[in-house]
Every structure is written in structure tokens, then in C-alpha cells.
Amino acid sequence: MDQAPSSPQDARSSLPTCYRHPDRQTGIRCTRCERPICPECMVDASVGFQCPDCVRGPSGRQGRAATAAARPRTLAGGTVTADPRLITKILIGLCLAAFLVQKAVGADFEERFFLLGQAYIPSLGAVEGVAEGQGYRLLTAMFLHGSYVHILFNMLSLWWIGCPLEAALGRVRYLALYFVSGLAGSALTYLLAAPNQPSLGASGAIFGLFGATAVLMRRLNYDMRPVIALLAINLVITFGVSGIAWQAHIGGLVAGVLVGYAMVHAPRERRALVQYGSCAVVLAAVVVVTLLRTSQLT
């Protein structure tokens, strides 16, 4: 005899699965055909969401010609692609390649590219750092890691969080979110950390993805408890373990929430302006913070 779900876990297990991805449960349905669709398959419509098949097919007054030209869009307005995880794979590949170079070349490579405010580096025989005109360190530090555990933890986090977020935002928006969050984390580290304290890692960008994921789940009315718990654990580690650049985590998280909110809540008629405008505002803040700290150190 059938029984009603007796717990939230039972309720979740009773959800239908996406008609294109049978392994994914979802509570969202296409507003036209009412088939269940997951975040990867959702195409933002004027009211609710539609599945890719309905978007590609004819739609009454618009006719076949108009709808044939329409391309499926993600929740944030990005183009639906055959491989919605491509950018995440490329980012992981770049980090792994940089780590292999670090191990092959040694400390000289790290000292030239990790984040450093201003300090004398004996092996290079000069005062180095962002304050010395090496602003590229804000970016290159995002691809370096200090140990096998460091890169393993960050790459697993990037895979678990980045893949569904890339599918929901689209490649270009996802990439913009990643780099804006990472640069915001680097800028806050440059501002608040000791100028002779080196910093490296993709954690700032990944915390930005955390923040954007929380915003996205709220937008879709998903259960927020898992992502809040995961974020809380990471924040405890951030402030409870020595040697972690908490400034990068907080800077990336704040930027990720701000840009993520603009990505998923932008009005459709001004979507691109709001989305990329928010990225420009955060980047402007990064430039201001960088110039301010440089003026303090020079």
C-alpha cells in the first residue's frame, strides 16, 4: 500500500526526475509541456521556465521560422551547450598544469607569481610585489597551490560546485563570476594582509562560486540547508586553521554573492547590462583597493 512521505528525506526522494537527465531529481516543470526539468535544462521564459525541446519547437503566433532561430538559454541567459562543464574542466586543467610547473621548477616559479604585497626576495635579489608594479600577481596567484592537499581540496570543491553552476549560468557568465571573485579575494588580501606575507590558491574564486550557488538555490526555492552547512564548515576552517588567507575567502565570497545575485535576478530586458555591469562594479572596486594599498606601501 502506498504511503505518504514521512520525512523531508522521503519527500525529496519522491520528486520526479528530469526527462533529459533521469539521474537528477527536480521540483521544476516546463511551463508549456509540464515535463520535469533540472537546472541544466531550464530555459528562462517570460513566465517560469521551459525545456529545450519546447524552446526549439513552434510556438503559435511566432511560427516555425521564428522559433527555429531561437537558441535555448540557461537560467541566467547563457547559451545551452553540449558540454556544460567545459570551463570548469579547463580551469581545473590550468591549476593542475601550474602545480606541475611549480613542482618541476621549484620555489623560483612560486616567488615570481604568488600574491605578495611588497618584500625583498633573496633568490630574486630585489624587492618584489604588487606595490612594485607587479599587479599580475593578483591573477596568477589564483592558479598556484602550496601542497598536494591544498590543490586536491580546491579542485574537488571546484568540480562539485562549479559544474552545476556553470550549467545554470552559461560559460561566459560563469567565467566572469570566477575571475571577478578571485580578483576580489586577491585585492582584499593585498589590502589587509601583511605586505611580506605571500598568498596563493584558487580559494577566493571558489568561495565566490559558493556565494553564487547559495543565491541560485534561493532563487530556485531549493533546500538551503546543505549549502549553508557546507559554507559554515568552510568558514570554520578558514578562521580556525592557521596559515589560511581568510581575506581571500571573504573577498571572494562577498563578490560571488553580489555578482551571483545580479546574474540570476537581472530583469530579462536589461539582463546583460545588469549582469556585466555588476562585474564591472566589482572590478572597479578591485582597482580602487589595489591603488589605495599601493599608495600606502610606496
Protein backbone atom coordinates (compact mmCIF):
# COMPACT_ATOMS: atom_id res chain seq x y z
CA MET A 1 0.00 0.00 0.00
CA ASP A 2 1.33 3.47 -0.92
CA GLN A 3 2.28 5.76 1.94
CA ALA A 4 2.83 9.50 2.12
CA PRO A 5 6.42 10.59 2.71
CA SER A 6 7.08 10.54 6.45
CA SER A 7 10.11 12.86 6.46
CA PRO A 8 11.79 15.60 4.40
CA GLN A 9 14.19 12.97 3.10
CA ASP A 10 11.26 10.84 1.90
CA ALA A 11 9.72 13.91 0.29
CA ARG A 12 12.87 14.63 -1.64
CA SER A 13 13.11 11.02 -2.81
CA SER A 14 9.58 11.28 -4.21
CA LEU A 15 10.45 14.15 -6.53
CA PRO A 16 10.28 13.40 -10.27
CA THR A 17 13.44 13.17 -12.35
CA CYS A 18 14.43 15.38 -15.27
CA TYR A 19 13.15 13.96 -18.54
CA ARG A 20 16.57 14.56 -20.13
CA HIS A 21 18.67 13.51 -17.11
CA PRO A 22 16.94 10.62 -15.31
CA ASP A 23 19.53 10.63 -12.51
CA ARG A 24 18.60 14.16 -11.37
CA GLN A 25 15.58 14.90 -9.19
CA THR A 26 13.82 18.23 -9.63
CA GLY A 27 10.80 20.15 -8.48
CA ILE A 28 10.67 22.39 -11.57
CA ARG A 29 8.47 21.70 -14.60
CA CYS A 30 8.32 23.21 -18.09
CA THR A 31 5.53 25.78 -18.22
CA ARG A 32 4.47 24.56 -21.69
CA CYS A 33 4.69 20.77 -21.65
CA GLU A 34 4.87 20.31 -17.84
CA ARG A 35 7.71 17.81 -18.05
CA PRO A 36 10.17 17.91 -15.09
CA ILE A 37 13.44 19.71 -15.89
CA CYS A 38 16.69 20.15 -13.92
CA PRO A 39 18.68 23.45 -13.67
CA GLU A 40 20.86 22.43 -16.62
CA CYS A 41 17.82 22.06 -18.88
CA MET A 42 15.85 25.09 -17.69
CA VAL A 43 15.45 27.88 -20.22
CA ASP A 44 14.33 31.18 -18.73
CA ALA A 45 10.96 32.30 -20.11
CA SER A 46 8.79 35.34 -19.53
CA VAL A 47 6.82 33.24 -17.04
CA GLY A 48 8.64 30.35 -15.35
CA PHE A 49 10.97 28.05 -17.26
CA GLN A 50 10.74 25.98 -20.43
CA CYS A 51 12.51 22.84 -21.57
CA PRO A 52 14.91 22.94 -24.56
CA ASP A 53 12.51 20.94 -26.73
CA CYS A 54 9.67 23.45 -26.29
CA VAL A 55 12.01 26.35 -26.98
CA ARG A 56 13.18 24.75 -30.22
CA GLY A 57 9.65 23.82 -31.38
CA PRO A 58 6.94 26.03 -32.96
CA SER A 59 5.07 28.40 -30.62
CA GLY A 60 1.74 29.53 -32.06
CA ARG A 61 1.84 33.02 -33.48
CA GLN A 62 5.63 33.15 -33.79
CA GLY A 63 5.63 30.22 -36.19
CA ARG A 64 8.34 27.72 -37.02
CA ALA A 65 10.76 30.17 -38.58
CA ALA A 66 10.98 32.41 -35.53
CA THR A 67 11.35 29.60 -33.02
CA ALA A 68 13.87 27.75 -35.14
CA ALA A 69 16.11 30.76 -34.79
CA ALA A 70 15.68 30.87 -31.01
CA ARG A 71 18.50 29.26 -29.06
CA PRO A 72 17.95 27.53 -25.72
CA ARG A 73 19.09 29.68 -22.81
CA THR A 74 20.16 28.91 -19.27
CA LEU A 75 18.54 30.39 -16.21
CA ALA A 76 20.89 33.38 -16.40
CA GLY A 77 20.51 33.85 -20.15
CA GLY A 78 23.59 31.95 -21.30
CA THR A 79 23.59 29.59 -24.27
CA VAL A 80 22.86 25.93 -23.51
CA THR A 81 25.88 23.93 -24.71
CA ALA A 82 26.61 20.28 -25.37
CA ASP A 83 29.22 20.18 -22.59
CA PRO A 84 28.05 22.40 -19.71
CA ARG A 85 31.18 21.56 -17.69
CA LEU A 86 33.83 22.60 -20.22
CA ILE A 87 35.02 25.78 -18.47
CA THR A 88 35.27 24.01 -15.12
CA LYS A 89 37.39 21.30 -16.73
CA ILE A 90 39.66 23.92 -18.32
CA LEU A 91 40.10 25.79 -15.02
CA ILE A 92 41.00 22.57 -13.22
CA GLY A 93 43.42 21.71 -16.02
CA LEU A 94 45.13 25.11 -15.75
CA CYS A 95 45.52 24.77 -11.99
CA LEU A 96 46.93 21.27 -12.32
CA ALA A 97 49.34 22.37 -15.07
CA ALA A 98 50.56 25.30 -12.94
CA PHE A 99 51.04 22.94 -9.98
CA LEU A 100 53.15 20.59 -12.09
CA VAL A 101 55.31 23.53 -13.17
CA GLN A 102 55.66 24.56 -9.53
CA LYS A 103 56.94 21.11 -8.62
CA ALA A 104 59.26 20.94 -11.62
CA VAL A 105 60.78 24.43 -11.36
CA GLY A 106 60.63 24.92 -7.60
CA ALA A 107 60.44 27.97 -5.36
CA ASP A 108 61.69 30.38 -8.03
CA PHE A 109 58.49 29.94 -10.01
CA GLU A 110 56.23 30.48 -6.98
CA GLU A 111 58.13 33.56 -5.84
CA ARG A 112 57.66 35.21 -9.21
CA PHE A 113 53.90 34.66 -9.36
CA PHE A 114 52.35 34.24 -5.90
CA LEU A 115 50.49 37.14 -4.31
CA LEU A 116 52.84 39.42 -2.41
CA GLY A 117 52.32 42.99 -1.28
CA GLN A 118 55.91 44.15 -1.00
CA ALA A 119 59.00 42.33 0.24
CA TYR A 120 62.62 41.60 -0.56
CA ILE A 121 63.08 38.13 -2.07
CA PRO A 122 66.69 36.96 -1.71
CA SER A 123 66.54 34.43 -4.55
CA LEU A 124 65.42 37.17 -6.95
CA GLY A 125 67.69 39.79 -5.44
CA ALA A 126 65.09 42.54 -5.47
CA VAL A 127 62.03 43.98 -3.74
CA GLU A 128 59.03 42.32 -5.35
CA GLY A 129 55.25 42.55 -5.05
CA VAL A 130 52.09 44.23 -6.29
CA ALA A 131 53.24 47.53 -4.82
CA GLU A 132 56.28 47.34 -7.12
CA GLY A 133 54.10 47.33 -10.23
CA GLN A 134 53.51 43.57 -10.38
CA GLY A 135 49.74 43.71 -10.47
CA TYR A 136 49.64 40.45 -12.42
CA ARG A 137 50.25 38.66 -9.11
CA LEU A 138 46.59 39.31 -8.21
CA LEU A 139 45.66 37.00 -11.08
CA THR A 140 48.46 34.45 -11.25
CA ALA A 141 48.17 33.60 -7.55
CA MET A 142 44.71 32.17 -8.30
CA PHE A 143 46.30 29.25 -10.21
CA LEU A 144 49.05 28.32 -7.74
CA HIS A 145 48.80 25.97 -4.75
CA GLY A 146 51.04 25.27 -1.81
CA SER A 147 50.71 21.49 -1.39
CA TYR A 148 49.07 18.34 -2.70
CA VAL A 149 46.34 18.58 -0.05
CA HIS A 150 45.73 22.23 -0.96
CA ILE A 151 45.20 21.61 -4.65
CA LEU A 152 43.25 18.38 -4.08
CA PHE A 153 40.76 20.07 -1.78
CA ASN A 154 40.36 23.10 -4.05
CA MET A 155 39.95 21.11 -7.27
CA LEU A 156 37.36 18.79 -5.72
CA SER A 157 35.45 21.83 -4.48
CA LEU A 158 35.69 23.46 -7.89
CA TRP A 159 34.33 20.33 -9.58
CA TRP A 160 31.45 19.78 -7.16
CA ILE A 161 30.34 23.41 -7.05
CA GLY A 162 31.45 24.67 -10.43
CA CYS A 163 29.82 22.09 -12.70
CA PRO A 164 26.16 22.73 -11.76
CA LEU A 165 26.79 26.46 -11.51
CA GLU A 166 28.33 26.59 -14.99
CA ALA A 167 25.30 24.72 -16.35
CA ALA A 168 22.94 27.23 -14.73
CA LEU A 169 24.80 30.40 -15.74
CA GLY A 170 26.39 29.54 -19.07
CA ARG A 171 30.07 29.61 -19.93
CA VAL A 172 30.73 33.33 -20.29
CA ARG A 173 28.84 34.38 -17.16
CA TYR A 174 30.36 31.57 -15.14
CA LEU A 175 33.87 32.53 -16.25
CA ALA A 176 33.22 36.18 -15.41
CA LEU A 177 31.97 35.21 -11.94
CA TYR A 178 35.03 33.04 -11.33
CA PHE A 179 37.63 35.65 -12.23
CA VAL A 180 35.83 38.57 -10.60
CA SER A 181 35.52 36.62 -7.34
CA GLY A 182 39.14 35.52 -7.45
CA LEU A 183 40.42 39.03 -8.10
CA ALA A 184 38.23 40.41 -5.31
CA GLY A 185 39.76 37.88 -2.92
CA SER A 186 43.27 38.80 -4.05
CA ALA A 187 42.57 42.52 -3.67
CA LEU A 188 41.26 42.15 -0.11
CA THR A 189 44.29 40.03 0.78
CA TYR A 190 46.59 42.70 -0.66
CA LEU A 191 44.78 45.36 1.36
CA LEU A 192 44.61 43.62 4.75
CA ALA A 193 47.43 41.07 4.92
CA ALA A 194 51.00 41.90 5.88
CA PRO A 195 52.88 43.12 2.79
CA ASN A 196 55.57 40.46 3.21
CA GLN A 197 53.06 37.61 3.58
CA PRO A 198 52.79 35.51 0.39
CA SER A 199 49.43 34.05 -0.61
CA LEU A 200 48.33 31.63 -3.31
CA GLY A 201 45.39 29.41 -4.23
CA ALA A 202 42.05 29.32 -6.05
CA SER A 203 40.09 29.53 -2.79
CA GLY A 204 38.92 33.12 -3.32
CA ALA A 205 37.32 32.24 -6.65
CA ILE A 206 35.84 29.03 -5.24
CA PHE A 207 34.29 30.89 -2.31
CA GLY A 208 32.75 33.19 -4.92
CA LEU A 209 31.16 30.13 -6.51
CA PHE A 210 29.88 29.14 -3.05
CA GLY A 211 28.19 32.51 -2.68
CA ALA A 212 26.65 32.42 -6.15
CA THR A 213 25.42 28.85 -5.57
CA ALA A 214 23.60 29.95 -2.41
CA VAL A 215 21.93 32.77 -4.35
CA LEU A 216 20.94 30.39 -7.16
CA MET A 217 19.45 27.83 -4.78
CA ARG A 218 17.47 30.56 -3.09
CA ARG A 219 16.22 31.73 -6.49
CA LEU A 220 15.03 28.20 -7.32
CA ASN A 221 13.48 27.68 -3.86
CA TYR A 222 15.73 24.70 -3.18
CA ASP A 223 16.59 23.47 0.31
CA MET A 224 19.26 25.89 1.54
CA ARG A 225 20.47 23.78 4.45
CA PRO A 226 23.12 21.73 2.59
CA VAL A 227 24.90 24.72 1.05
CA ILE A 228 24.67 26.74 4.28
CA ALA A 229 26.15 23.84 6.24
CA LEU A 230 28.95 23.40 3.70
CA LEU A 231 29.70 27.12 3.72
CA ALA A 232 29.69 27.21 7.53
CA ILE A 233 32.19 24.32 7.68
CA ASN A 234 34.48 26.10 5.25
CA LEU A 235 34.29 29.34 7.22
CA VAL A 236 35.15 27.49 10.43
CA ILE A 237 38.19 26.03 8.67
CA THR A 238 39.06 29.46 7.27
CA PHE A 239 39.23 31.11 10.69
CA GLY A 240 40.21 28.05 12.74
CA VAL A 241 43.27 26.83 10.84
CA SER A 242 46.47 28.87 10.80
CA GLY A 243 48.14 29.76 7.53
CA ILE A 244 44.91 30.35 5.59
CA ALA A 245 44.40 33.71 3.88
CA TRP A 246 40.92 34.41 5.24
CA GLN A 247 40.87 37.72 3.37
CA ALA A 248 40.80 35.89 0.02
CA HIS A 249 37.91 33.71 1.17
CA ILE A 250 35.81 36.60 2.45
CA GLY A 251 36.57 38.84 -0.51
CA GLY A 252 35.67 36.09 -2.98
CA LEU A 253 32.52 35.18 -1.06
CA VAL A 254 31.19 38.75 -0.97
CA ALA A 255 31.94 39.28 -4.66
CA GLY A 256 30.32 35.95 -5.53
CA VAL A 257 27.11 36.82 -3.69
CA LEU A 258 26.89 40.26 -5.33
CA VAL A 259 27.65 39.09 -8.87
CA GLY A 260 25.63 35.89 -8.43
CA TYR A 261 22.58 37.88 -7.36
CA ALA A 262 22.89 40.08 -10.44
CA MET A 263 23.31 37.01 -12.65
CA VAL A 264 20.12 35.22 -11.57
CA HIS A 265 17.86 38.16 -10.71
CA ALA A 266 18.62 40.54 -13.59
CA PRO A 267 15.44 41.65 -15.42
CA ARG A 268 15.21 39.98 -18.79
CA GLU A 269 15.02 43.20 -20.82
CA ARG A 270 18.26 44.53 -19.27
CA ARG A 271 19.89 41.23 -18.40
CA ALA A 272 23.31 41.66 -19.99
CA LEU A 273 23.65 45.25 -18.77
CA VAL A 274 22.91 44.32 -15.15
CA GLN A 275 25.00 41.14 -15.18
CA TYR A 276 28.14 42.51 -16.74
CA GLY A 277 27.62 45.88 -15.09
CA SER A 278 27.84 44.20 -11.69
CA CYS A 279 31.09 42.55 -12.77
CA ALA A 280 32.43 45.94 -13.85
CA VAL A 281 31.49 47.49 -10.49
CA VAL A 282 33.31 44.78 -8.53
CA LEU A 283 36.35 45.07 -10.81
CA ALA A 284 36.33 48.83 -10.28
CA ALA A 285 36.36 48.19 -6.52
CA VAL A 286 39.33 45.85 -7.01
CA VAL A 287 41.22 48.58 -8.85
CA VAL A 288 40.42 51.17 -6.17
CA VAL A 289 41.51 48.85 -3.35
CA THR A 290 44.71 47.98 -5.21
CA LEU A 291 45.60 51.63 -5.83
CA LEU A 292 44.83 52.54 -2.22
CA ARG A 293 47.08 49.83 -0.80
CA THR A 294 49.83 50.64 -3.27
CA SER A 295 49.78 54.29 -2.18
CA GLN A 296 50.16 53.12 1.44
CA LEU A 297 53.19 50.97 0.65
CA THR A 298 55.05 53.35 -1.65
